[in-house]
Protein backbone atom coordinates (compact mmCIF):
# COMPACT_ATOMS: atom_id res chain seq x y z
CA UNK A 1 0.00 0.00 0.00
CA UNK A 2 2.85 2.39 0.85
CA UNK A 3 4.56 1.56 -2.45
CA UNK A 4 1.40 2.38 -4.38
CA UNK A 5 0.98 5.63 -2.49
CA UNK A 6 4.62 6.58 -3.17
CA UNK A 7 4.23 5.82 -6.90
CA UNK A 8 1.02 7.88 -7.00
CA UNK A 9 2.61 10.88 -5.26
CA UNK A 10 5.69 10.69 -7.51
CA UNK A 11 3.50 10.58 -10.62
CA UNK A 12 1.53 13.63 -9.49
CA UNK A 13 4.73 15.59 -8.83
CA UNK A 14 6.16 14.69 -12.25
CA UNK A 15 2.92 15.67 -13.98
CA UNK A 16 2.88 18.97 -12.12
CA UNK A 17 6.48 19.70 -13.14
CA UNK A 18 5.76 18.81 -16.75
CA UNK A 19 2.71 21.07 -16.77
CA UNK A 20 4.69 23.94 -15.22
CA UNK A 21 7.47 23.51 -17.79
CA UNK A 22 4.94 23.55 -20.63
CA UNK A 23 3.36 26.71 -19.26
CA UNK A 24 6.80 28.32 -18.96
CA UNK A 25 7.65 27.39 -22.57
CA UNK A 26 4.43 29.00 -23.79
CA UNK A 27 4.82 32.13 -21.68
CA UNK A 28 5.08 35.21 -23.93
CA UNK A 29 8.35 37.10 -23.92
CA UNK A 30 8.11 40.46 -22.10
CA UNK A 31 10.09 43.68 -21.70
CA UNK A 32 11.67 42.31 -18.52
CA UNK A 33 12.91 39.23 -20.42
CA UNK A 34 14.69 41.46 -22.95
CA UNK A 35 16.21 43.57 -20.16
CA UNK A 36 17.46 40.40 -18.44
CA UNK A 37 19.09 39.23 -21.68
CA UNK A 38 20.72 42.65 -22.20
CA UNK A 39 22.05 42.78 -18.63
CA UNK A 40 23.56 39.32 -19.09
CA UNK A 41 25.35 40.66 -22.20
CA UNK A 42 23.78 38.22 -24.63
CA UNK A 43 24.77 38.95 -28.27
CA UNK A 44 22.44 41.40 -29.99
CA UNK A 45 21.78 38.95 -32.84
CA UNK A 46 20.61 36.31 -30.34
CA UNK A 47 18.27 38.74 -28.57
CA UNK A 48 16.79 39.97 -31.88
CA UNK A 49 16.31 36.38 -33.07
CA UNK A 50 14.48 35.50 -29.83
CA UNK A 51 12.23 38.56 -30.19
CA UNK A 52 11.40 37.65 -33.79
CA UNK A 53 10.70 33.96 -33.23
CA UNK A 54 9.18 33.61 -29.74
CA UNK A 55 5.63 34.53 -28.70
CA UNK A 56 5.77 37.94 -27.07
CA UNK A 57 3.77 40.55 -25.23
CA UNK A 58 5.77 43.77 -25.32
CA UNK A 59 4.88 47.18 -23.93
CA UNK A 60 6.27 49.75 -26.39
CA UNK A 61 4.94 52.89 -24.74
CA UNK A 62 7.27 55.91 -24.57
CA UNK A 63 7.92 55.34 -20.86
CA UNK A 64 8.82 51.69 -21.43
CA UNK A 65 11.07 52.44 -24.41
CA UNK A 66 13.00 54.92 -22.26
CA UNK A 67 13.29 52.30 -19.49
CA UNK A 68 14.52 49.72 -22.01
CA UNK A 69 17.12 52.09 -23.43
CA UNK A 70 18.41 52.92 -19.95
CA UNK A 71 18.74 49.17 -19.36
CA UNK A 72 21.18 48.94 -22.33
CA UNK A 73 18.69 47.42 -24.78
CA UNK A 74 20.10 48.30 -28.22
CA UNK A 75 18.37 50.15 -31.03
CA UNK A 76 18.12 46.97 -33.14
CA UNK A 77 16.52 45.14 -30.22
CA UNK A 78 14.04 48.00 -29.65
CA UNK A 79 13.14 48.03 -33.34
CA UNK A 80 12.58 44.26 -33.25
CA UNK A 81 10.27 44.65 -30.24
CA UNK A 82 8.27 47.40 -31.95
CA UNK A 83 8.01 45.33 -35.13
CA UNK A 84 6.85 42.29 -33.12
CA UNK A 85 4.19 44.40 -31.40
CA UNK A 86 3.01 45.96 -34.67
CA UNK A 87 2.49 42.66 -36.42
CA UNK A 88 0.80 40.99 -33.45
CA UNK A 89 3.69 38.71 -32.57
CA UNK A 90 2.44 38.62 -29.00
CA UNK A 91 -0.43 36.24 -29.77
CA UNK A 92 0.32 32.82 -28.29
CA UNK A 93 -1.94 31.15 -30.80
CA UNK A 94 -0.13 32.52 -33.85
CA UNK A 95 1.39 29.59 -35.75
CA UNK A 96 5.04 29.78 -36.71
CA UNK A 97 5.33 30.24 -40.50
CA UNK A 98 6.37 27.14 -42.39
CA UNK A 99 8.50 27.08 -45.53
CA UNK A 100 5.34 26.50 -47.57
CA UNK A 101 3.72 29.65 -46.18
CA UNK A 102 6.76 31.92 -46.71
CA UNK A 103 5.54 34.91 -48.75
CA UNK A 104 6.85 35.67 -52.19
CA UNK A 105 8.68 38.93 -52.87
CA UNK A 106 5.74 40.98 -54.10
CA UNK A 107 3.47 40.06 -51.18
CA UNK A 108 6.27 40.69 -48.67
CA UNK A 109 6.66 44.25 -49.94
CA UNK A 110 2.91 44.77 -50.13
CA UNK A 111 2.25 43.87 -46.48
CA UNK A 112 5.31 45.56 -44.93
CA UNK A 113 4.22 48.53 -42.81
CA UNK A 114 7.42 48.87 -40.83
CA UNK A 115 9.26 52.18 -40.65
CA UNK A 116 12.51 50.20 -40.60
CA UNK A 117 14.00 49.39 -44.03
CA UNK A 118 13.42 45.75 -44.99
CA UNK A 119 15.42 43.51 -47.33
CA UNK A 120 14.26 40.10 -48.58
CA UNK A 121 16.35 37.45 -50.31
CA UNK A 122 14.07 36.25 -53.11
CA UNK A 123 15.92 33.35 -54.73
CA UNK A 124 13.81 30.24 -55.29
CA UNK A 125 10.47 32.06 -55.51
CA UNK A 126 10.14 32.77 -51.77
CA UNK A 127 11.12 35.79 -49.70
CA UNK A 128 13.41 35.39 -46.69
CA UNK A 129 14.06 38.52 -44.68
CA UNK A 130 17.68 39.33 -43.88
CA UNK A 131 18.33 41.15 -40.60
CA UNK A 132 19.16 44.84 -40.77
CA UNK A 133 22.61 45.67 -39.41
CA UNK A 134 24.20 49.01 -38.53
CA UNK A 135 27.71 50.09 -39.40
CA UNK A 136 30.21 51.04 -36.71
CA UNK A 137 31.99 54.36 -37.17
CA UNK A 138 35.68 54.74 -36.27
CA UNK A 139 38.34 57.41 -36.79
CA UNK A 140 41.97 57.22 -37.84
CA UNK A 141 44.74 59.41 -39.21
CA UNK A 142 45.36 56.99 -42.08
CA UNK A 143 44.32 58.55 -45.39
CA UNK A 144 41.63 56.64 -47.34
CA UNK A 145 43.87 55.70 -50.26
CA UNK A 146 42.66 52.09 -50.44
CA UNK A 147 40.48 49.63 -48.57
CA UNK A 148 43.50 47.34 -48.09
CA UNK A 149 45.42 50.18 -46.45
CA UNK A 150 42.58 50.86 -44.00
CA UNK A 151 42.18 47.14 -43.26
CA UNK A 152 45.78 47.06 -42.04
CA UNK A 153 45.22 50.01 -39.66
CA UNK A 154 45.17 48.78 -36.06
CA UNK A 155 43.35 51.93 -34.90
CA UNK A 156 40.37 51.00 -37.08
CA UNK A 157 40.27 47.32 -36.14
CA UNK A 158 40.67 48.02 -32.42
CA UNK A 159 37.85 50.56 -32.52
CA UNK A 160 35.54 48.13 -34.33
CA UNK A 161 36.43 45.29 -31.98
CA UNK A 162 35.88 47.41 -28.89
CA UNK A 163 32.53 48.70 -30.14
CA UNK A 164 33.44 52.36 -29.59
CA UNK A 165 31.94 54.63 -32.24
CA UNK A 166 31.84 58.37 -32.69
CA UNK A 167 28.63 58.64 -30.67
CA UNK A 168 30.34 56.95 -27.73
CA UNK A 169 33.35 59.18 -28.17
CA UNK A 170 31.17 62.29 -28.17
CA UNK A 171 29.54 61.21 -24.90
CA UNK A 172 32.90 60.39 -23.33
CA UNK A 173 34.51 63.67 -24.33
CA UNK A 174 31.58 65.66 -22.95
CA UNK A 175 31.86 63.73 -19.68
CA UNK A 176 35.37 65.19 -19.45
CA UNK A 177 36.35 62.26 -17.28
CA UNK A 178 39.43 60.07 -17.19
CA UNK A 179 37.24 56.97 -17.41
CA UNK A 180 35.43 58.12 -20.53
CA UNK A 181 38.57 59.29 -22.30
CA UNK A 182 40.41 56.12 -21.33
CA UNK A 183 37.70 53.98 -22.94
CA UNK A 184 38.08 55.87 -26.18
CA UNK A 185 41.85 55.59 -26.17
CA UNK A 186 41.64 51.86 -25.57
CA UNK A 187 39.38 51.55 -28.61
CA UNK A 188 42.28 52.72 -30.74
CA UNK A 189 40.56 55.70 -32.37
CA UNK A 190 42.67 58.76 -32.98
CA UNK A 191 41.18 61.93 -31.48
CA UNK A 192 44.26 64.01 -30.70
CA UNK A 193 43.62 67.72 -30.82
CA UNK A 194 39.83 67.42 -30.94
CA UNK A 195 39.38 69.58 -27.87
CA UNK A 196 41.91 72.15 -29.00
CA UNK A 197 41.13 75.27 -31.02
CA UNK A 198 42.54 73.70 -34.18
CA UNK A 199 40.25 70.98 -35.56
CA UNK A 200 42.26 68.31 -37.39
CA UNK A 201 41.17 66.35 -40.44
CA UNK A 202 40.63 62.65 -39.80
CA UNK A 203 39.42 59.65 -41.77
CA UNK A 204 36.00 58.29 -40.82
CA UNK A 205 35.71 54.55 -41.44
CA UNK A 206 32.43 52.62 -41.66
CA UNK A 207 32.65 48.95 -40.78
CA UNK A 208 30.86 45.89 -39.42
CA UNK A 209 32.36 44.67 -36.10
CA UNK A 210 32.45 40.96 -36.93
CA UNK A 211 34.72 38.98 -39.27
CA UNK A 212 32.05 37.19 -41.32
CA UNK A 213 28.35 37.36 -42.10
CA UNK A 214 25.96 34.77 -40.71
CA UNK A 215 23.99 34.91 -43.99
CA UNK A 216 25.85 32.36 -46.11
CA UNK A 217 24.41 32.10 -49.65
CA UNK A 218 24.85 29.17 -51.99
CA UNK A 219 24.16 31.16 -55.15
CA UNK A 220 26.51 33.46 -57.06
CA UNK A 221 23.57 35.44 -58.44
CA UNK A 222 21.38 36.43 -55.46
CA UNK A 223 18.31 38.60 -55.94
CA UNK A 224 16.68 40.84 -53.36
CA UNK A 225 13.69 43.10 -52.83
CA UNK A 226 14.08 46.19 -50.70
CA UNK A 227 11.54 48.47 -49.02
CA UNK A 228 12.53 51.72 -47.31
CA UNK A 229 9.43 53.64 -48.39
CA UNK A 230 8.22 54.26 -44.82
CA UNK A 231 11.54 55.24 -43.23
CA UNK A 232 11.09 58.28 -41.00
CA UNK A 233 12.89 61.56 -41.62
CA UNK A 234 14.10 60.89 -45.17
CA UNK A 235 12.98 61.43 -48.76
CA UNK A 236 12.83 57.99 -50.35
CA UNK A 237 13.48 59.35 -53.84
CA UNK A 238 16.91 60.58 -52.71
CA UNK A 239 18.24 57.04 -52.20
CA UNK A 240 18.87 53.90 -54.19
CA UNK A 241 20.31 50.48 -53.28
CA UNK A 242 23.76 49.22 -54.20
CA UNK A 243 25.85 46.11 -53.55
CA UNK A 244 29.34 46.63 -52.13
CA UNK A 245 32.18 44.21 -51.46
CA UNK A 246 33.39 44.25 -47.86
CA UNK A 247 37.08 44.16 -46.96
CA UNK A 248 38.09 41.83 -44.14
CA UNK A 249 40.38 43.49 -41.60
CA UNK A 250 42.69 41.36 -39.43
CA UNK A 251 39.92 38.83 -38.77
CA UNK A 252 38.10 41.30 -36.49
CA UNK A 253 35.75 43.29 -38.73
CA UNK A 254 34.75 44.10 -42.30
CA UNK A 255 35.28 47.57 -43.72
CA UNK A 256 32.47 49.08 -45.77
CA UNK A 257 33.93 52.44 -46.79
CA UNK A 258 35.64 55.63 -45.65
CA UNK A 259 35.89 59.38 -46.18
CA UNK A 260 37.79 62.33 -44.74
CA UNK A 261 36.37 65.16 -42.66
CA UNK A 262 36.93 67.41 -39.67
CA UNK A 263 37.14 65.62 -36.32
CA UNK A 264 34.13 67.43 -34.87
CA UNK A 265 31.72 66.66 -37.73
CA UNK A 266 30.22 63.66 -35.93
CA UNK A 267 28.68 65.92 -33.27
CA UNK A 268 27.27 68.58 -35.63
CA UNK A 269 23.46 68.77 -35.89
CA UNK A 270 23.65 70.82 -39.10
CA UNK A 271 23.21 69.06 -42.44
CA UNK A 272 26.52 70.34 -43.80
CA UNK A 273 28.66 67.19 -44.15
CA UNK A 274 29.19 66.30 -47.82
CA UNK A 275 30.63 62.94 -46.83
CA UNK A 276 29.60 60.93 -49.89
CA UNK A 277 31.19 63.21 -52.50
CA UNK A 278 34.60 61.52 -51.98
CA UNK A 279 33.52 58.27 -50.33
CA UNK A 280 35.82 55.26 -50.81
CA UNK A 281 33.98 51.94 -51.26
CA UNK A 282 34.20 48.88 -53.50
CA UNK A 283 30.98 48.99 -55.51
CA UNK A 284 29.72 45.92 -57.36
CA UNK A 285 27.94 46.51 -60.67
CA UNK A 286 24.29 46.31 -59.62
CA UNK A 287 20.88 46.06 -61.29
CA UNK A 288 18.42 48.16 -59.25
CA UNK A 289 14.86 48.14 -60.65
CA UNK A 290 12.70 50.83 -59.06
CA UNK A 291 9.15 49.61 -58.40
CA UNK A 292 8.02 52.82 -56.69
CA UNK A 293 9.50 55.38 -54.29
CA UNK A 294 11.57 53.45 -51.77
CA UNK A 295 10.89 49.98 -53.26
CA UNK A 296 13.41 48.16 -55.46
CA UNK A 297 14.42 44.82 -56.91
CA UNK A 298 18.18 44.41 -56.53
CA UNK A 299 20.68 41.94 -58.01
CA UNK A 300 24.34 41.90 -59.08
CA UNK A 301 24.93 42.56 -62.78
CA UNK A 302 27.23 39.53 -62.96
CA UNK A 303 28.07 36.48 -60.86
CA UNK A 304 29.73 37.25 -57.54
CA UNK A 305 33.03 35.73 -56.48
CA UNK A 306 33.19 34.04 -53.04
CA UNK A 307 33.56 36.62 -50.30
CA UNK A 308 31.79 39.14 -48.07
CA UNK A 309 29.21 41.58 -49.48
CA UNK A 310 26.41 43.88 -48.38
CA UNK A 311 23.35 45.58 -49.80
CA UNK A 312 23.54 49.26 -48.82
CA UNK A 313 21.51 52.45 -49.35
CA UNK A 314 23.28 55.33 -51.03
CA UNK A 315 22.21 58.88 -51.96
CA UNK A 316 21.52 59.31 -55.69
CA UNK A 317 23.33 62.64 -55.59
CA UNK A 318 26.95 62.38 -54.43
CA UNK A 319 26.67 65.98 -53.21
CA UNK A 320 23.94 65.21 -50.66
CA UNK A 321 24.71 66.65 -47.25
CA UNK A 322 24.32 64.86 -43.93
CA UNK A 323 24.12 65.82 -40.27
CA UNK A 324 27.07 64.32 -38.43
CA UNK A 325 24.87 63.84 -35.37
CA UNK A 326 22.36 61.83 -37.43
CA UNK A 327 25.14 59.65 -38.81
CA UNK A 328 26.63 59.03 -35.36
CA UNK A 329 23.22 58.08 -33.92
CA UNK A 330 21.97 56.25 -37.04
CA UNK A 331 18.77 58.26 -37.35
CA UNK A 332 17.05 59.87 -40.35
CA UNK A 333 19.49 60.19 -43.25
CA UNK A 334 22.16 58.75 -40.98
CA UNK A 335 20.14 55.56 -40.55
CA UNK A 336 19.87 55.17 -44.31
CA UNK A 337 23.61 55.53 -44.83
CA UNK A 338 24.53 53.35 -41.83
CA UNK A 339 22.05 50.57 -42.69
CA UNK A 340 23.27 47.44 -44.46
CA UNK A 341 22.42 43.80 -44.96
CA UNK A 342 25.52 41.60 -45.10
CA UNK A 343 25.86 38.25 -46.83
CA UNK A 344 28.61 35.83 -47.73
CA UNK A 345 28.97 34.00 -51.03
CA UNK A 346 30.34 30.58 -50.07
CA UNK A 347 33.15 28.81 -51.90
CA UNK A 348 30.65 26.13 -53.00
CA UNK A 349 28.07 28.62 -54.36
CA UNK A 350 26.75 28.00 -57.86
């Protein structure tokens, strides 16, 4: 009798634990979950992937967004939370899309209501969204004579690896503290003379702080559809997509491009930086078919060699002026120029 009672009690406990685990697995992801992931320094790509794939119930009110930002939740993570809320990702009963239900390119563009630019890989008749990435901005005294020359510059690679950009530098310099300035120096960026009366000319370098893309393609002729028609603070007709080849730098980052300018331009709110007029980048010959303002079909004009690439947004006029503050914070026109979608053509691609 005691054995039967013990077996019964054990069975009840196991059932209760199983039920609790099932409830936990189905529990929607919340703001506090994202904050916990950020505080534990989980990679941004992992957090964004969790937001995009798990059931969620986010509060994206102004007060909550401020709280999230103060808790070190990144801009990409915030955008993913807003996108999940807008498309009803918080519904527990929403089925996860299967490969058969993946939308084609035209329907993906038609239903997109996001203010964030969206890129879809459209090979094989289905549309697969590639994650939006943001470039990191570093400074160096090395002149932008070639991408290879910049890739060998330790100041650039250290800055990319440390994650210190011009926005972080601006905050540190305004703190006027030894801690802030030390962090910038450790990043390897060159800012000598910035606080003096004479403003030196430096080279601004745009890069991606990781050695390779996670988007590995098995085709040498990828095709994409792009929608930036609802981006806030820009005129869609002023931009067009392009494909650029990325230059690997000491196995720490990939360089996108570079230009010269005064060292204080990154903090200027005025739209007076003509940074693209002499911008160094390795453009790939690209077919860009305009469907309507801010919507394009994009593909390389010829087969791509194995290596690292990105789809980027570039001003149609090379004389377009930017606000350095917008570029440093990746907002408005700065967001457009800083945005990119990286991909790798594998050695086995056909």
